[in-house]
C-alpha cells in the first residue's frame, strides 16, 4: 500500500490549515479539491460527514484540522515541527494546539451565533466565557514569540491560523499581540506559498 498523502479540501474551508502544514513540511501530496454539496463517494467513504479537510496517508484516515496537524508533525518527525514525546515542551505544545481547537473555537462560534453564557453557568462550558479566552491568549502571545517561546512548531500552524481567521472576520479583537503573531506566522514562505495556491483556486490573484 502506498504511503501517498492525499488531501480532500476546498479553499473556503479549514482545509487551508492542512495545506499550510503540508507546505510547511515540504512533503509531496495530492490535493483533491471538491465543491461543497457535491461530495464524491470517494470522500464519503473515508469521512461520512463529507467534511474538509480529510487526509489520507496510505491506509490511515485523519479528519479534523488539529488532528491532521498533530498527525503530520509526528509522521514526519524528522522535520522538527513537534517537540519530543515526553518532553516538557510537548505539554505546552499540546496545551495551546488544543486550546485553539477547543475552547477558542467554541467561544468564537458561540459569539458569532449570539450565544451568551450567563456568569453563573460559566462552569458548564469548556471555555468559561469569550472574554476569558481572549485574555488567556493575549497573555500568552504578549509574553512569547511562538507557542513554544522562540521556536516555531506545528502548533503555530493551527494557533496562527485561528488568530488570523479571527482578525480577518472580526471575531477576535485587534490586539497588538494578535496582530504581531498573525503577521509573523503568515510571513513564512510556506504560508505565503500555501495561500497563493488556495487563492488561485478562488480566482484571487
C-alpha atoms as a PDB file:
ATOM      1  CA  UNK A   1       0.000   0.000   0.000  1.00  0.00           C
ATOM      2  CA  UNK A   2       1.368   3.385  -0.984  1.00  0.00           C
ATOM      3  CA  UNK A   3       2.042   5.971   1.718  1.00  0.00           C
ATOM      4  CA  UNK A   4       0.899   8.718  -0.634  1.00  0.00           C
ATOM      5  CA  UNK A   5      -0.617  11.781   1.012  1.00  0.00           C
ATOM      6  CA  UNK A   6      -3.999  12.858  -0.336  1.00  0.00           C
ATOM      7  CA  UNK A   7      -5.796  15.923   0.986  1.00  0.00           C
ATOM      8  CA  UNK A   8      -9.504  16.402   0.316  1.00  0.00           C
ATOM      9  CA  UNK A   9     -10.046  20.125   0.608  1.00  0.00           C
ATOM     10  CA  UNK A  10     -11.767  23.307  -0.508  1.00  0.00           C
ATOM     11  CA  UNK A  11     -10.127  26.764  -0.426  1.00  0.00           C
ATOM     12  CA  UNK A  12     -13.005  28.149   1.668  1.00  0.00           C
ATOM     13  CA  UNK A  13     -12.586  25.620   4.443  1.00  0.00           C
ATOM     14  CA  UNK A  14     -10.291  24.543   7.248  1.00  0.00           C
ATOM     15  CA  UNK A  15      -8.528  22.626   4.516  1.00  0.00           C
ATOM     16  CA  UNK A  16      -6.375  25.746   4.212  1.00  0.00           C
ATOM     17  CA  UNK A  17      -4.889  24.907   7.600  1.00  0.00           C
ATOM     18  CA  UNK A  18      -3.973  21.386   6.495  1.00  0.00           C
ATOM     19  CA  UNK A  19      -2.400  22.675   3.287  1.00  0.00           C
ATOM     20  CA  UNK A  20      -0.337  25.181   5.286  1.00  0.00           C
ATOM     21  CA  UNK A  21       1.021  22.317   7.351  1.00  0.00           C
ATOM     22  CA  UNK A  22       1.833  20.212   4.299  1.00  0.00           C
ATOM     23  CA  UNK A  23       3.624  23.136   2.670  1.00  0.00           C
ATOM     24  CA  UNK A  24       5.497  23.829   5.907  1.00  0.00           C
ATOM     25  CA  UNK A  25       6.692  20.223   5.946  1.00  0.00           C
ATOM     26  CA  UNK A  26       7.725  20.425   2.303  1.00  0.00           C
ATOM     27  CA  UNK A  27       6.423  16.932   1.502  1.00  0.00           C
ATOM     28  CA  UNK A  28       4.771  15.697  -1.674  1.00  0.00           C
ATOM     29  CA  UNK A  29       0.993  15.467  -1.557  1.00  0.00           C
ATOM     30  CA  UNK A  30      -2.026  15.430  -3.829  1.00  0.00           C
ATOM     31  CA  UNK A  31      -4.823  17.903  -3.185  1.00  0.00           C
ATOM     32  CA  UNK A  32      -8.264  16.828  -4.354  1.00  0.00           C
ATOM     33  CA  UNK A  33     -10.391  19.961  -4.409  1.00  0.00           C
ATOM     34  CA  UNK A  34     -14.118  19.264  -4.215  1.00  0.00           C
ATOM     35  CA  UNK A  35     -17.067  21.632  -4.210  1.00  0.00           C
ATOM     36  CA  UNK A  36     -19.453  21.917  -1.281  1.00  0.00           C
ATOM     37  CA  UNK A  37     -22.616  19.895  -1.725  1.00  0.00           C
ATOM     38  CA  UNK A  38     -21.111  17.655  -4.382  1.00  0.00           C
ATOM     39  CA  UNK A  39     -19.121  15.294  -2.198  1.00  0.00           C
ATOM     40  CA  UNK A  40     -17.971  12.377  -4.245  1.00  0.00           C
ATOM     41  CA  UNK A  41     -18.461   8.852  -2.980  1.00  0.00           C
ATOM     42  CA  UNK A  42     -14.700   8.564  -2.537  1.00  0.00           C
ATOM     43  CA  UNK A  43     -14.641  11.256   0.165  1.00  0.00           C
ATOM     44  CA  UNK A  44     -17.756   9.938   1.887  1.00  0.00           C
ATOM     45  CA  UNK A  45     -16.150   6.529   2.041  1.00  0.00           C
ATOM     46  CA  UNK A  46     -13.370   7.975   4.184  1.00  0.00           C
ATOM     47  CA  UNK A  47     -15.351  10.669   6.016  1.00  0.00           C
ATOM     48  CA  UNK A  48     -19.111  10.036   6.263  1.00  0.00           C
ATOM     49  CA  UNK A  49     -19.587  13.676   7.297  1.00  0.00           C
ATOM     50  CA  UNK A  50     -18.139  14.805   3.978  1.00  0.00           C
ATOM     51  CA  UNK A  51     -16.050  17.427   5.760  1.00  0.00           C
ATOM     52  CA  UNK A  52     -12.918  19.268   4.724  1.00  0.00           C
ATOM     53  CA  UNK A  53     -10.142  18.643   5.422  1.00  0.00           C
ATOM     54  CA  UNK A  54      -9.811  14.880   5.222  1.00  0.00           C
ATOM     55  CA  UNK A  55      -6.325  13.425   4.904  1.00  0.00           C
ATOM     56  CA  UNK A  56      -5.305  10.010   3.612  1.00  0.00           C
ATOM     57  CA  UNK A  57      -1.828   8.713   4.324  1.00  0.00           C
ATOM     58  CA  UNK A  58      -1.677   5.253   2.877  1.00  0.00           C
ATOM     59  CA  UNK A  59      -4.357   3.324   4.755  1.00  0.00           C
ATOM     60  CA  UNK A  60      -4.579   5.926   7.528  1.00  0.00           C
ATOM     61  CA  UNK A  61      -7.501   8.362   7.510  1.00  0.00           C
ATOM     62  CA  UNK A  62      -7.279  11.542   9.582  1.00  0.00           C
ATOM     63  CA  UNK A  63     -10.045  14.128   9.910  1.00  0.00           C
ATOM     64  CA  UNK A  64     -10.306  17.348  11.972  1.00  0.00           C
ATOM     65  CA  UNK A  65      -7.703  20.018  11.253  1.00  0.00           C
ATOM     66  CA  UNK A  66      -5.987  19.892  14.656  1.00  0.00           C
ATOM     67  CA  UNK A  67      -5.679  16.104  14.451  1.00  0.00           C
ATOM     68  CA  UNK A  68      -4.210  16.379  10.950  1.00  0.00           C
ATOM     69  CA  UNK A  69      -1.632  18.902  12.165  1.00  0.00           C
ATOM     70  CA  UNK A  70      -0.652  16.694  15.106  1.00  0.00           C
ATOM     71  CA  UNK A  71      -0.526  13.547  12.988  1.00  0.00           C
ATOM     72  CA  UNK A  72       1.615  15.083  10.246  1.00  0.00           C
ATOM     73  CA  UNK A  73       4.093  16.573  12.707  1.00  0.00           C
ATOM     74  CA  UNK A  74       4.656  13.112  14.174  1.00  0.00           C
ATOM     75  CA  UNK A  75       4.547  11.234  10.861  1.00  0.00           C
ATOM     76  CA  UNK A  76       7.336  13.482   9.588  1.00  0.00           C
ATOM     77  CA  UNK A  77       9.124  13.975  12.888  1.00  0.00           C
ATOM     78  CA  UNK A  78      12.433  14.457  11.086  1.00  0.00           C
ATOM     79  CA  UNK A  79      11.154  17.897  10.026  1.00  0.00           C
ATOM     80  CA  UNK A  80      11.363  19.038  13.651  1.00  0.00           C
ATOM     81  CA  UNK A  81       7.928  20.675  13.908  1.00  0.00           C
ATOM     82  CA  UNK A  82       6.946  18.906  17.130  1.00  0.00           C
ATOM     83  CA  UNK A  83       8.863  18.611  20.405  1.00  0.00           C
ATOM     84  CA  UNK A  84       9.970  15.171  21.568  1.00  0.00           C
ATOM     85  CA  UNK A  85       7.335  12.929  23.112  1.00  0.00           C
ATOM     86  CA  UNK A  86       7.650  13.071  26.883  1.00  0.00           C
ATOM     87  CA  UNK A  87       9.468  16.404  26.886  1.00  0.00           C
ATOM     88  CA  UNK A  88       8.208  19.354  28.901  1.00  0.00           C
ATOM     89  CA  UNK A  89       7.772  21.280  25.659  1.00  0.00           C
ATOM     90  CA  UNK A  90       5.378  18.586  24.463  1.00  0.00           C
ATOM     91  CA  UNK A  91       2.904  19.511  27.180  1.00  0.00           C
ATOM     92  CA  UNK A  92       2.985  23.181  26.187  1.00  0.00           C
ATOM     93  CA  UNK A  93       2.646  22.193  22.533  1.00  0.00           C
ATOM     94  CA  UNK A  94      -0.459  20.096  23.232  1.00  0.00           C
ATOM     95  CA  UNK A  95      -1.936  22.714  25.529  1.00  0.00           C
ATOM     96  CA  UNK A  96      -2.060  25.546  23.024  1.00  0.00           C
ATOM     97  CA  UNK A  97      -2.828  23.434  19.974  1.00  0.00           C
ATOM     98  CA  UNK A  98      -5.930  22.062  21.665  1.00  0.00           C
ATOM     99  CA  UNK A  99      -6.773  25.335  23.363  1.00  0.00           C
ATOM    100  CA  UNK A 100      -7.186  26.816  19.892  1.00  0.00           C
ATOM    101  CA  UNK A 101      -9.154  23.869  18.512  1.00  0.00           C
ATOM    102  CA  UNK A 102     -11.335  23.505  21.618  1.00  0.00           C
ATOM    103  CA  UNK A 103     -12.114  26.449  23.930  1.00  0.00           C
ATOM    104  CA  UNK A 104     -11.057  29.152  21.487  1.00  0.00           C
ATOM    105  CA  UNK A 105     -13.058  27.864  18.530  1.00  0.00           C
ATOM    106  CA  UNK A 106     -16.117  27.138  20.676  1.00  0.00           C
ATOM    107  CA  UNK A 107     -16.046  30.590  22.273  1.00  0.00           C
ATOM    108  CA  UNK A 108     -15.713  32.341  18.913  1.00  0.00           C
ATOM    109  CA  UNK A 109     -18.507  30.330  17.285  1.00  0.00           C
ATOM    110  CA  UNK A 110     -20.840  30.993  20.200  1.00  0.00           C
ATOM    111  CA  UNK A 111     -20.078  34.706  19.955  1.00  0.00           C
ATOM    112  CA  UNK A 112     -20.782  34.741  16.218  1.00  0.00           C
ATOM    113  CA  UNK A 113     -24.047  32.877  16.766  1.00  0.00           C
ATOM    114  CA  UNK A 114     -25.071  35.240  19.552  1.00  0.00           C
ATOM    115  CA  UNK A 115     -24.913  32.607  22.276  1.00  0.00           C
ATOM    116  CA  UNK A 116     -24.392  34.328  25.620  1.00  0.00           C
ATOM    117  CA  UNK A 117     -23.211  32.374  28.636  1.00  0.00           C
ATOM    118  CA  UNK A 118     -24.558  33.657  31.945  1.00  0.00           C
ATOM    119  CA  UNK A 119     -21.892  34.219  34.581  1.00  0.00           C
ATOM    120  CA  UNK A 120     -23.363  31.549  36.858  1.00  0.00           C
ATOM    121  CA  UNK A 121     -23.219  28.995  34.005  1.00  0.00           C
ATOM    122  CA  UNK A 122     -19.579  29.509  33.010  1.00  0.00           C
ATOM    123  CA  UNK A 123     -18.601  26.275  34.736  1.00  0.00           C
ATOM    124  CA  UNK A 124     -20.855  24.294  32.378  1.00  0.00           C
ATOM    125  CA  UNK A 125     -18.911  25.191  29.223  1.00  0.00           C
ATOM    126  CA  UNK A 126     -15.348  24.212  28.489  1.00  0.00           C
ATOM    127  CA  UNK A 127     -14.168  27.705  27.658  1.00  0.00           C
ATOM    128  CA  UNK A 128     -15.786  29.626  30.512  1.00  0.00           C
ATOM    129  CA  UNK A 129     -16.544  32.744  28.512  1.00  0.00           C
ATOM    130  CA  UNK A 130     -15.289  34.545  25.407  1.00  0.00           C
ATOM    131  CA  UNK A 131     -13.502  37.275  27.379  1.00  0.00           C
ATOM    132  CA  UNK A 132     -11.567  34.682  29.388  1.00  0.00           C
ATOM    133  CA  UNK A 133     -10.409  33.004  26.184  1.00  0.00           C
ATOM    134  CA  UNK A 134      -9.257  36.283  24.642  1.00  0.00           C
ATOM    135  CA  UNK A 135      -7.441  37.353  27.810  1.00  0.00           C
ATOM    136  CA  UNK A 136      -5.693  33.977  28.139  1.00  0.00           C
ATOM    137  CA  UNK A 137      -4.467  34.003  24.544  1.00  0.00           C
ATOM    138  CA  UNK A 138      -3.412  37.648  24.756  1.00  0.00           C
ATOM    139  CA  UNK A 139      -1.335  36.931  27.847  1.00  0.00           C
ATOM    140  CA  UNK A 140       0.415  34.035  26.092  1.00  0.00           C
ATOM    141  CA  UNK A 141       1.145  35.865  22.846  1.00  0.00           C
ATOM    142  CA  UNK A 142       2.245  39.025  24.664  1.00  0.00           C
ATOM    143  CA  UNK A 143       4.862  37.021  26.534  1.00  0.00           C
ATOM    144  CA  UNK A 144       6.117  34.646  23.823  1.00  0.00           C
ATOM    145  CA  UNK A 145       7.065  34.905  20.178  1.00  0.00           C
ATOM    146  CA  UNK A 146       5.607  31.476  19.390  1.00  0.00           C
ATOM    147  CA  UNK A 147       3.671  28.789  21.257  1.00  0.00           C
ATOM    148  CA  UNK A 148       6.982  27.252  22.341  1.00  0.00           C
ATOM    149  CA  UNK A 149       8.646  30.554  23.162  1.00  0.00           C
ATOM    150  CA  UNK A 150      11.220  31.390  20.495  1.00  0.00           C
ATOM    151  CA  UNK A 151      10.679  28.209  18.454  1.00  0.00           C
ATOM    152  CA  UNK A 152       8.143  27.780  15.636  1.00  0.00           C
ATOM    153  CA  UNK A 153       6.235  24.490  15.754  1.00  0.00           C
ATOM    154  CA  UNK A 154       3.264  22.728  14.226  1.00  0.00           C
ATOM    155  CA  UNK A 155       1.115  24.196  16.995  1.00  0.00           C
ATOM    156  CA  UNK A 156       1.708  27.618  15.468  1.00  0.00           C
ATOM    157  CA  UNK A 157       0.210  26.403  12.190  1.00  0.00           C
ATOM    158  CA  UNK A 158      -3.115  25.868  13.944  1.00  0.00           C
ATOM    159  CA  UNK A 159      -2.978  28.668  16.516  1.00  0.00           C
ATOM    160  CA  UNK A 160      -1.712  31.111  13.904  1.00  0.00           C
ATOM    161  CA  UNK A 161      -4.491  30.154  11.516  1.00  0.00           C
ATOM    162  CA  UNK A 162      -7.083  30.597  14.261  1.00  0.00           C
ATOM    163  CA  UNK A 163      -5.783  34.050  15.173  1.00  0.00           C
ATOM    164  CA  UNK A 164      -5.576  35.057  11.518  1.00  0.00           C
ATOM    165  CA  UNK A 165      -9.158  33.933  10.855  1.00  0.00           C
ATOM    166  CA  UNK A 166     -10.312  35.750  13.983  1.00  0.00           C
ATOM    167  CA  UNK A 167      -8.732  39.015  12.882  1.00  0.00           C
ATOM    168  CA  UNK A 168      -9.856  38.615   9.277  1.00  0.00           C
ATOM    169  CA  UNK A 169     -13.501  38.034  10.180  1.00  0.00           C
ATOM    170  CA  UNK A 170     -13.523  40.394  13.184  1.00  0.00           C
ATOM    171  CA  UNK A 171     -14.301  37.607  15.651  1.00  0.00           C
ATOM    172  CA  UNK A 172     -11.184  38.452  17.669  1.00  0.00           C
ATOM    173  CA  UNK A 173     -10.237  41.954  18.830  1.00  0.00           C
ATOM    174  CA  UNK A 174      -7.341  43.644  17.036  1.00  0.00           C
ATOM    175  CA  UNK A 175      -4.961  43.389  19.971  1.00  0.00           C
ATOM    176  CA  UNK A 176      -1.269  44.150  19.348  1.00  0.00           C
ATOM    177  CA  UNK A 177      -0.238  40.646  20.427  1.00  0.00           C
ATOM    178  CA  UNK A 178      -2.651  39.023  17.973  1.00  0.00           C
ATOM    179  CA  UNK A 179      -1.672  41.259  15.073  1.00  0.00           C
ATOM    180  CA  UNK A 180       2.050  40.751  15.719  1.00  0.00           C
ATOM    181  CA  UNK A 181       1.684  36.986  15.945  1.00  0.00           C
ATOM    182  CA  UNK A 182      -0.536  36.593  12.859  1.00  0.00           C
ATOM    183  CA  UNK A 183       1.758  38.779  10.764  1.00  0.00           C
ATOM    184  CA  UNK A 184       4.790  36.773  11.819  1.00  0.00           C
ATOM    185  CA  UNK A 185       3.163  33.403  11.089  1.00  0.00           C
ATOM    186  CA  UNK A 186       1.785  34.477   7.716  1.00  0.00           C
ATOM    187  CA  UNK A 187       5.104  35.940   6.568  1.00  0.00           C
ATOM    188  CA  UNK A 188       6.593  32.437   6.467  1.00  0.00           C
ATOM    189  CA  UNK A 189       7.455  31.221   2.954  1.00  0.00           C
ATOM    190  CA  UNK A 190       5.375  28.054   3.305  1.00  0.00           C
ATOM    191  CA  UNK A 191       2.312  30.039   4.346  1.00  0.00           C
ATOM    192  CA  UNK A 192       2.717  32.528   1.506  1.00  0.00           C
ATOM    193  CA  UNK A 193       3.022  29.627  -0.933  1.00  0.00           C
ATOM    194  CA  UNK A 194       0.005  27.849   0.528  1.00  0.00           C
ATOM    195  CA  UNK A 195      -2.185  30.953   0.463  1.00  0.00           C
ATOM    196  CA  UNK A 196      -1.245  31.598  -3.162  1.00  0.00           C
ATOM    197  CA  UNK A 197      -2.384  28.090  -4.131  1.00  0.00           C
ATOM    198  CA  UNK A 198      -5.769  28.391  -2.431  1.00  0.00           C
ATOM    199  CA  UNK A 199      -6.297  31.973  -3.572  1.00  0.00           C
ATOM    200  CA  UNK A 200      -5.722  30.920  -7.180  1.00  0.00           C
ATOM    201  CA  UNK A 201      -8.375  28.244  -6.764  1.00  0.00           C
ATOM    202  CA  UNK A 202     -10.789  31.013  -5.773  1.00  0.00           C
ATOM    203  CA  UNK A 203      -9.755  33.200  -8.671  1.00  0.00           C
ATOM    204  CA  UNK A 204      -7.880  35.615  -6.420  1.00  0.00           C
ATOM    205  CA  UNK A 205      -4.596  36.841  -7.869  1.00  0.00           C
END
